[in-house]
Amino acid sequence: MAEQVGKIEKPFAGRFREAKKLYLVPLVFLNEAAPEEYKERCHRYWQQVVDQLSNLETKIGKVSHVYHESISLSGEEGLKFVEKLNPNSYQIAKSKCVNGAIFEAIEENDLLQEVMDWERCLLLGFVTEKVASKISEFYTEASRKRDEFMAKRLDETLQGNEAGLLFIREGYKLQFPGDIEVFSVFPPALDEIHRWLRDRARKEQEKTKD
């Protein structure tokens, strides 16, 4: 089970320093066309992520490896794709790499593309129940293989008492290697974003009823 940043007490920091560590940051995406109130929450979220990561690094270990969901290239090539995908996570990833961390590919491209293809098929919905069930099976199996590959990459690249940083969407099903201590970065602004999205969805639903 992942530890939350605020729950790391000083007496335990020494123990964590000697273990493999992984800091998990939930991905939040920002469209420039989004309402200002959503943008404000997103900007606050990413600033809080920076603060919490700094706290983690001070207490239990500096980030030495950076991973990002949906990226199958390492080094500068991988970072360029992150910049296109999510400028906010890119800024953090880049800063860690400037300070000595290595950007690691965590995805296998063919598996990633397969999962995305099956997901698109499911979202289209223009199929019979039997076909939808089969597509769901293919999607589930491809997702399982993808998660296994990601876990293997973490196991292969994170060594000794090193700390890794992983940007990943909420709701992930990835099972982490047993020797890695996982810490969830969960800033207060993430709850604000969730509430804003729920309220917006509720208001849109009420509009359709009128």
C-alpha atoms as a PDB file:
ATOM      1  CA  MET A   1       0.000   0.000   0.000  1.00  0.00           C
ATOM      2  CA  ALA A   2       1.342   3.438  -0.934  1.00  0.00           C
ATOM      3  CA  GLU A   3       2.311   5.823   1.854  1.00  0.00           C
ATOM      4  CA  GLN A   4       1.019   9.391   1.666  1.00  0.00           C
ATOM      5  CA  VAL A   5       3.567  12.154   1.987  1.00  0.00           C
ATOM      6  CA  GLY A   6       2.028  13.752   5.057  1.00  0.00           C
ATOM      7  CA  LYS A   7       2.122  10.457   6.943  1.00  0.00           C
ATOM      8  CA  ILE A   8       5.913  10.037   6.886  1.00  0.00           C
ATOM      9  CA  GLU A   9       7.075  10.621  10.436  1.00  0.00           C
ATOM     10  CA  LYS A  10      10.684  11.557  11.187  1.00  0.00           C
ATOM     11  CA  PRO A  11      11.514   8.359  13.173  1.00  0.00           C
ATOM     12  CA  PHE A  12      10.766   6.273  10.058  1.00  0.00           C
ATOM     13  CA  ALA A  13      12.676   8.417   7.574  1.00  0.00           C
ATOM     14  CA  GLY A  14      15.940   6.570   8.236  1.00  0.00           C
ATOM     15  CA  ARG A  15      14.380   3.205   7.403  1.00  0.00           C
ATOM     16  CA  PHE A  16      12.990   4.520   4.130  1.00  0.00           C
ATOM     17  CA  ARG A  17      16.349   5.997   3.149  1.00  0.00           C
ATOM     18  CA  GLU A  18      17.831   2.495   2.950  1.00  0.00           C
ATOM     19  CA  ALA A  19      15.080   1.088   0.709  1.00  0.00           C
ATOM     20  CA  LYS A  20      14.107   1.402  -2.938  1.00  0.00           C
ATOM     21  CA  LYS A  21      11.556   4.199  -3.147  1.00  0.00           C
ATOM     22  CA  LEU A  22       9.014   5.312  -5.732  1.00  0.00           C
ATOM     23  CA  TYR A  23       7.216   8.649  -5.577  1.00  0.00           C
ATOM     24  CA  LEU A  24       3.878   8.503  -7.423  1.00  0.00           C
ATOM     25  CA  VAL A  25       2.443  11.677  -8.932  1.00  0.00           C
ATOM     26  CA  PRO A  26      -1.121  11.522 -10.373  1.00  0.00           C
ATOM     27  CA  LEU A  27      -1.284  13.033 -13.847  1.00  0.00           C
ATOM     28  CA  VAL A  28      -3.541  16.054 -14.247  1.00  0.00           C
ATOM     29  CA  PHE A  29      -3.962  17.431 -17.746  1.00  0.00           C
ATOM     30  CA  LEU A  30      -4.693  21.049 -18.628  1.00  0.00           C
ATOM     31  CA  ASN A  31      -6.302  22.165 -21.863  1.00  0.00           C
ATOM     32  CA  GLU A  32      -5.667  25.828 -22.650  1.00  0.00           C
ATOM     33  CA  ALA A  33      -9.347  26.171 -23.545  1.00  0.00           C
ATOM     34  CA  ALA A  34     -10.358  25.122 -20.019  1.00  0.00           C
ATOM     35  CA  PRO A  35     -12.228  27.575 -17.734  1.00  0.00           C
ATOM     36  CA  GLU A  36     -10.047  29.856 -15.623  1.00  0.00           C
ATOM     37  CA  GLU A  37     -11.204  28.324 -12.334  1.00  0.00           C
ATOM     38  CA  TYR A  38     -10.018  24.911 -13.533  1.00  0.00           C
ATOM     39  CA  LYS A  39      -6.701  26.345 -14.711  1.00  0.00           C
ATOM     40  CA  GLU A  40      -6.162  27.945 -11.298  1.00  0.00           C
ATOM     41  CA  ARG A  41      -6.723  24.613  -9.555  1.00  0.00           C
ATOM     42  CA  CYS A  42      -4.363  22.846 -11.946  1.00  0.00           C
ATOM     43  CA  HIS A  43      -1.608  25.411 -11.460  1.00  0.00           C
ATOM     44  CA  ARG A  44      -2.040  25.144  -7.681  1.00  0.00           C
ATOM     45  CA  TYR A  45      -1.936  21.337  -7.930  1.00  0.00           C
ATOM     46  CA  TRP A  46       1.364  21.249  -9.791  1.00  0.00           C
ATOM     47  CA  GLN A  47       2.962  23.747  -7.439  1.00  0.00           C
ATOM     48  CA  GLN A  48       1.908  21.586  -4.496  1.00  0.00           C
ATOM     49  CA  VAL A  49       3.396  18.556  -6.278  1.00  0.00           C
ATOM     50  CA  VAL A  50       6.732  20.400  -6.490  1.00  0.00           C
ATOM     51  CA  ASP A  51       6.554  21.223  -2.770  1.00  0.00           C
ATOM     52  CA  GLN A  52       5.659  17.675  -1.702  1.00  0.00           C
ATOM     53  CA  LEU A  53       8.375  16.137  -3.860  1.00  0.00           C
ATOM     54  CA  SER A  54      10.906  18.517  -2.327  1.00  0.00           C
ATOM     55  CA  ASN A  55       9.728  17.387   1.104  1.00  0.00           C
ATOM     56  CA  LEU A  56      10.121  13.726   0.146  1.00  0.00           C
ATOM     57  CA  GLU A  57      13.589  14.236  -1.295  1.00  0.00           C
ATOM     58  CA  THR A  58      14.720  16.073   1.835  1.00  0.00           C
ATOM     59  CA  LYS A  59      13.365  13.382   4.166  1.00  0.00           C
ATOM     60  CA  ILE A  60      14.056  10.097   2.427  1.00  0.00           C
ATOM     61  CA  GLY A  61      15.980  10.448  -0.811  1.00  0.00           C
ATOM     62  CA  LYS A  62      16.743  12.448  -3.922  1.00  0.00           C
ATOM     63  CA  VAL A  63      15.091  11.372  -7.191  1.00  0.00           C
ATOM     64  CA  SER A  64      17.572   9.438  -9.344  1.00  0.00           C
ATOM     65  CA  HIS A  65      15.193   7.975 -11.962  1.00  0.00           C
ATOM     66  CA  VAL A  66      12.157   9.569 -13.621  1.00  0.00           C
ATOM     67  CA  TYR A  67       9.383   7.580 -15.349  1.00  0.00           C
ATOM     68  CA  HIS A  68       6.298   8.795 -17.186  1.00  0.00           C
ATOM     69  CA  GLU A  69       3.264   6.816 -18.267  1.00  0.00           C
ATOM     70  CA  SER A  70       2.822   6.607 -22.085  1.00  0.00           C
ATOM     71  CA  ILE A  71       6.518   7.240 -22.788  1.00  0.00           C
ATOM     72  CA  SER A  72       8.557   4.446 -24.378  1.00  0.00           C
ATOM     73  CA  LEU A  73      11.802   6.367 -24.972  1.00  0.00           C
ATOM     74  CA  SER A  74      14.595   7.227 -22.548  1.00  0.00           C
ATOM     75  CA  GLY A  75      16.721  10.338 -22.128  1.00  0.00           C
ATOM     76  CA  GLU A  76      16.159  13.566 -24.048  1.00  0.00           C
ATOM     77  CA  GLU A  77      13.972  11.857 -26.664  1.00  0.00           C
ATOM     78  CA  GLY A  78      11.579  10.696 -23.981  1.00  0.00           C
ATOM     79  CA  LEU A  79      11.506  14.124 -22.346  1.00  0.00           C
ATOM     80  CA  LYS A  80      10.564  15.747 -25.671  1.00  0.00           C
ATOM     81  CA  PHE A  81       7.480  13.510 -25.828  1.00  0.00           C
ATOM     82  CA  VAL A  82       6.593  14.386 -22.228  1.00  0.00           C
ATOM     83  CA  GLU A  83       6.764  18.089 -23.124  1.00  0.00           C
ATOM     84  CA  LYS A  84       4.143  17.550 -25.840  1.00  0.00           C
ATOM     85  CA  LEU A  85       1.984  15.321 -23.644  1.00  0.00           C
ATOM     86  CA  ASN A  86       1.934  17.344 -20.430  1.00  0.00           C
ATOM     87  CA  PRO A  87       4.001  20.559 -20.038  1.00  0.00           C
ATOM     88  CA  ASN A  88       3.491  20.581 -16.252  1.00  0.00           C
ATOM     89  CA  SER A  89       4.885  17.108 -15.590  1.00  0.00           C
ATOM     90  CA  TYR A  90       7.619  17.891 -18.133  1.00  0.00           C
ATOM     91  CA  GLN A  91       8.833  20.882 -16.109  1.00  0.00           C
ATOM     92  CA  ILE A  92       9.224  18.710 -13.012  1.00  0.00           C
ATOM     93  CA  ALA A  93      10.786  15.786 -14.892  1.00  0.00           C
ATOM     94  CA  LYS A  94      13.229  18.114 -16.646  1.00  0.00           C
ATOM     95  CA  SER A  95      14.267  19.777 -13.388  1.00  0.00           C
ATOM     96  CA  LYS A  96      15.004  16.396 -11.782  1.00  0.00           C
ATOM     97  CA  CYS A  97      17.085  15.355 -14.797  1.00  0.00           C
ATOM     98  CA  VAL A  98      19.007  18.640 -14.724  1.00  0.00           C
ATOM     99  CA  ASN A  99      19.830  17.764 -11.105  1.00  0.00           C
ATOM    100  CA  GLY A 100      21.227  14.361 -12.031  1.00  0.00           C
ATOM    101  CA  ALA A 101      18.249  12.034 -12.454  1.00  0.00           C
ATOM    102  CA  ILE A 102      17.954   9.701 -15.463  1.00  0.00           C
ATOM    103  CA  PHE A 103      14.792   9.716 -17.560  1.00  0.00           C
ATOM    104  CA  GLU A 104      13.813   6.069 -18.109  1.00  0.00           C
ATOM    105  CA  ALA A 105      11.413   4.565 -20.642  1.00  0.00           C
ATOM    106  CA  ILE A 106       8.741   2.657 -18.718  1.00  0.00           C
ATOM    107  CA  GLU A 107       6.545   1.569 -21.633  1.00  0.00           C
ATOM    108  CA  GLU A 108       7.012  -0.925 -24.482  1.00  0.00           C
ATOM    109  CA  ASN A 109       5.690   0.869 -27.536  1.00  0.00           C
ATOM    110  CA  ASP A 110       3.855  -2.044 -29.196  1.00  0.00           C
ATOM    111  CA  LEU A 111       2.052  -2.934 -25.972  1.00  0.00           C
ATOM    112  CA  LEU A 112       1.148   0.699 -25.364  1.00  0.00           C
ATOM    113  CA  GLN A 113      -0.278   1.068 -28.866  1.00  0.00           C
ATOM    114  CA  GLU A 114      -2.240  -2.177 -28.544  1.00  0.00           C
ATOM    115  CA  VAL A 115      -3.863  -1.047 -25.291  1.00  0.00           C
ATOM    116  CA  MET A 116      -4.751   2.310 -26.835  1.00  0.00           C
ATOM    117  CA  ASP A 117      -6.234   0.644 -29.928  1.00  0.00           C
ATOM    118  CA  TRP A 118      -8.469  -1.684 -27.894  1.00  0.00           C
ATOM    119  CA  GLU A 119      -9.486   1.241 -25.673  1.00  0.00           C
ATOM    120  CA  ARG A 120     -10.544   3.237 -28.735  1.00  0.00           C
ATOM    121  CA  CYS A 121     -12.575   0.252 -29.963  1.00  0.00           C
ATOM    122  CA  LEU A 122     -14.381   0.082 -26.613  1.00  0.00           C
ATOM    123  CA  LEU A 123     -15.137   3.796 -26.657  1.00  0.00           C
ATOM    124  CA  LEU A 124     -16.654   3.644 -30.145  1.00  0.00           C
ATOM    125  CA  GLY A 125     -19.370   1.303 -28.911  1.00  0.00           C
ATOM    126  CA  PHE A 126     -20.847   0.518 -32.331  1.00  0.00           C
ATOM    127  CA  VAL A 127     -20.613  -3.248 -31.900  1.00  0.00           C
ATOM    128  CA  THR A 128     -22.753  -6.153 -30.698  1.00  0.00           C
ATOM    129  CA  GLU A 129     -22.613  -7.267 -27.084  1.00  0.00           C
ATOM    130  CA  LYS A 130     -20.670 -10.386 -28.083  1.00  0.00           C
ATOM    131  CA  VAL A 131     -18.037  -8.375 -29.968  1.00  0.00           C
ATOM    132  CA  ALA A 132     -17.836  -5.812 -27.150  1.00  0.00           C
ATOM    133  CA  SER A 133     -17.177  -8.635 -24.682  1.00  0.00           C
ATOM    134  CA  LYS A 134     -14.378  -9.993 -26.862  1.00  0.00           C
ATOM    135  CA  ILE A 135     -12.815  -6.544 -27.293  1.00  0.00           C
ATOM    136  CA  SER A 136     -12.963  -6.087 -23.519  1.00  0.00           C
ATOM    137  CA  GLU A 137     -11.084  -9.379 -23.063  1.00  0.00           C
ATOM    138  CA  PHE A 138      -8.382  -8.273 -25.503  1.00  0.00           C
ATOM    139  CA  TYR A 139      -8.116  -4.897 -23.776  1.00  0.00           C
ATOM    140  CA  THR A 140      -7.821  -6.495 -20.327  1.00  0.00           C
ATOM    141  CA  GLU A 141      -5.132  -8.927 -21.477  1.00  0.00           C
ATOM    142  CA  ALA A 142      -3.117  -6.229 -23.249  1.00  0.00           C
ATOM    143  CA  SER A 143      -3.387  -3.987 -20.160  1.00  0.00           C
ATOM    144  CA  ARG A 144      -2.154  -6.822 -17.936  1.00  0.00           C
ATOM    145  CA  LYS A 145       0.896  -7.366 -20.149  1.00  0.00           C
ATOM    146  CA  ARG A 146       1.540  -3.633 -20.235  1.00  0.00           C
ATOM    147  CA  ASP A 147       1.427  -3.379 -16.431  1.00  0.00           C
ATOM    148  CA  GLU A 148       3.768  -6.363 -16.109  1.00  0.00           C
ATOM    149  CA  PHE A 149       6.242  -4.715 -18.473  1.00  0.00           C
ATOM    150  CA  MET A 150       6.129  -1.447 -16.509  1.00  0.00           C
ATOM    151  CA  ALA A 151       6.700  -3.273 -13.218  1.00  0.00           C
ATOM    152  CA  LYS A 152       9.651  -5.116 -14.769  1.00  0.00           C
ATOM    153  CA  ARG A 153      11.181  -1.839 -15.963  1.00  0.00           C
ATOM    154  CA  LEU A 154      10.934  -0.400 -12.461  1.00  0.00           C
ATOM    155  CA  ASP A 155      12.535  -3.532 -11.029  1.00  0.00           C
ATOM    156  CA  GLU A 156      15.376  -3.460 -13.561  1.00  0.00           C
ATOM    157  CA  THR A 157      16.243   0.222 -13.368  1.00  0.00           C
ATOM    158  CA  LEU A 158      15.666   1.172  -9.708  1.00  0.00           C
ATOM    159  CA  GLN A 159      18.590  -0.115  -7.658  1.00  0.00           C
ATOM    160  CA  GLY A 160      19.742  -0.255  -4.036  1.00  0.00           C
ATOM    161  CA  ASN A 161      18.419   2.651  -2.007  1.00  0.00           C
ATOM    162  CA  GLU A 162      17.557   4.825  -5.021  1.00  0.00           C
ATOM    163  CA  ALA A 163      14.372   6.874  -5.380  1.00  0.00           C
ATOM    164  CA  GLY A 164      12.276   6.971  -8.539  1.00  0.00           C
ATOM    165  CA  LEU A 165       9.554   9.386  -9.625  1.00  0.00           C
ATOM    166  CA  LEU A 166       6.599   8.054 -11.631  1.00  0.00           C
ATOM    167  CA  PHE A 167       3.920  10.196 -13.273  1.00  0.00           C
ATOM    168  CA  ILE A 168       0.839   8.031 -13.793  1.00  0.00           C
ATOM    169  CA  ARG A 169      -2.919   8.467 -14.177  1.00  0.00           C
ATOM    170  CA  GLU A 170      -5.215   7.867 -11.237  1.00  0.00           C
ATOM    171  CA  GLY A 171      -6.949   4.496 -11.192  1.00  0.00           C
ATOM    172  CA  TYR A 172      -3.854   2.585 -12.295  1.00  0.00           C
ATOM    173  CA  LYS A 173      -3.740  -1.189 -11.696  1.00  0.00           C
ATOM    174  CA  LEU A 174       0.014  -1.532 -11.817  1.00  0.00           C
ATOM    175  CA  GLN A 175       1.396  -3.899  -9.158  1.00  0.00           C
ATOM    176  CA  PHE A 176       4.759  -2.642  -7.941  1.00  0.00           C
ATOM    177  CA  PRO A 177       7.701  -4.925  -7.094  1.00  0.00           C
ATOM    178  CA  GLY A 178       7.566  -5.978  -3.451  1.00  0.00           C
ATOM    179  CA  ASP A 179      10.919  -4.452  -2.502  1.00  0.00           C
ATOM    180  CA  ILE A 180       9.886  -0.930  -3.516  1.00  0.00           C
ATOM    181  CA  GLU A 181       8.436   1.458  -0.927  1.00  0.00           C
ATOM    182  CA  VAL A 182       5.733   3.480  -2.693  1.00  0.00           C
ATOM    183  CA  PHE A 183       4.782   7.019  -1.669  1.00  0.00           C
ATOM    184  CA  SER A 184       1.726   8.737  -3.124  1.00  0.00           C
ATOM    185  CA  VAL A 185       1.992  12.465  -3.749  1.00  0.00           C
ATOM    186  CA  PHE A 186      -1.548  13.678  -3.117  1.00  0.00           C
ATOM    187  CA  PRO A 187      -1.751  17.476  -2.820  1.00  0.00           C
ATOM    188  CA  PRO A 188      -4.917  19.097  -1.385  1.00  0.00           C
ATOM    189  CA  ALA A 189      -5.564  20.737  -4.770  1.00  0.00           C
ATOM    190  CA  LEU A 190      -6.271  17.316  -6.274  1.00  0.00           C
ATOM    191  CA  ASP A 191      -9.404  17.084  -4.139  1.00  0.00           C
ATOM    192  CA  GLU A 192     -10.357  20.572  -5.320  1.00  0.00           C
ATOM    193  CA  ILE A 193     -10.020  19.427  -8.937  1.00  0.00           C
ATOM    194  CA  HIS A 194     -12.144  16.340  -8.277  1.00  0.00           C
ATOM    195  CA  ARG A 195     -14.875  18.443  -6.647  1.00  0.00           C
ATOM    196  CA  TRP A 196     -14.820  20.971  -9.484  1.00  0.00           C
ATOM    197  CA  LEU A 197     -15.187  18.228 -12.097  1.00  0.00           C
ATOM    198  CA  ARG A 198     -18.040  16.584 -10.167  1.00  0.00           C
ATOM    199  CA  ASP A 199     -19.863  19.905  -9.764  1.00  0.00           C
ATOM    200  CA  ARG A 200     -19.419  20.715 -13.450  1.00  0.00           C
ATOM    201  CA  ALA A 201     -20.743  17.288 -14.481  1.00  0.00           C
ATOM    202  CA  ARG A 202     -23.734  17.729 -12.162  1.00  0.00           C
ATOM    203  CA  LYS A 203     -24.537  21.167 -13.599  1.00  0.00           C
ATOM    204  CA  GLU A 204     -24.297  19.865 -17.157  1.00  0.00           C
ATOM    205  CA  GLN A 205     -26.626  17.013 -16.260  1.00  0.00           C
ATOM    206  CA  GLU A 206     -29.122  19.441 -14.746  1.00  0.00           C
ATOM    207  CA  LYS A 207     -29.027  21.534 -17.934  1.00  0.00           C
ATOM    208  CA  THR A 208     -30.014  18.546 -20.051  1.00  0.00           C
ATOM    209  CA  LYS A 209     -33.046  17.942 -17.815  1.00  0.00           C
ATOM    210  CA  ASP A 210     -34.370  21.498 -18.269  1.00  0.00           C
END
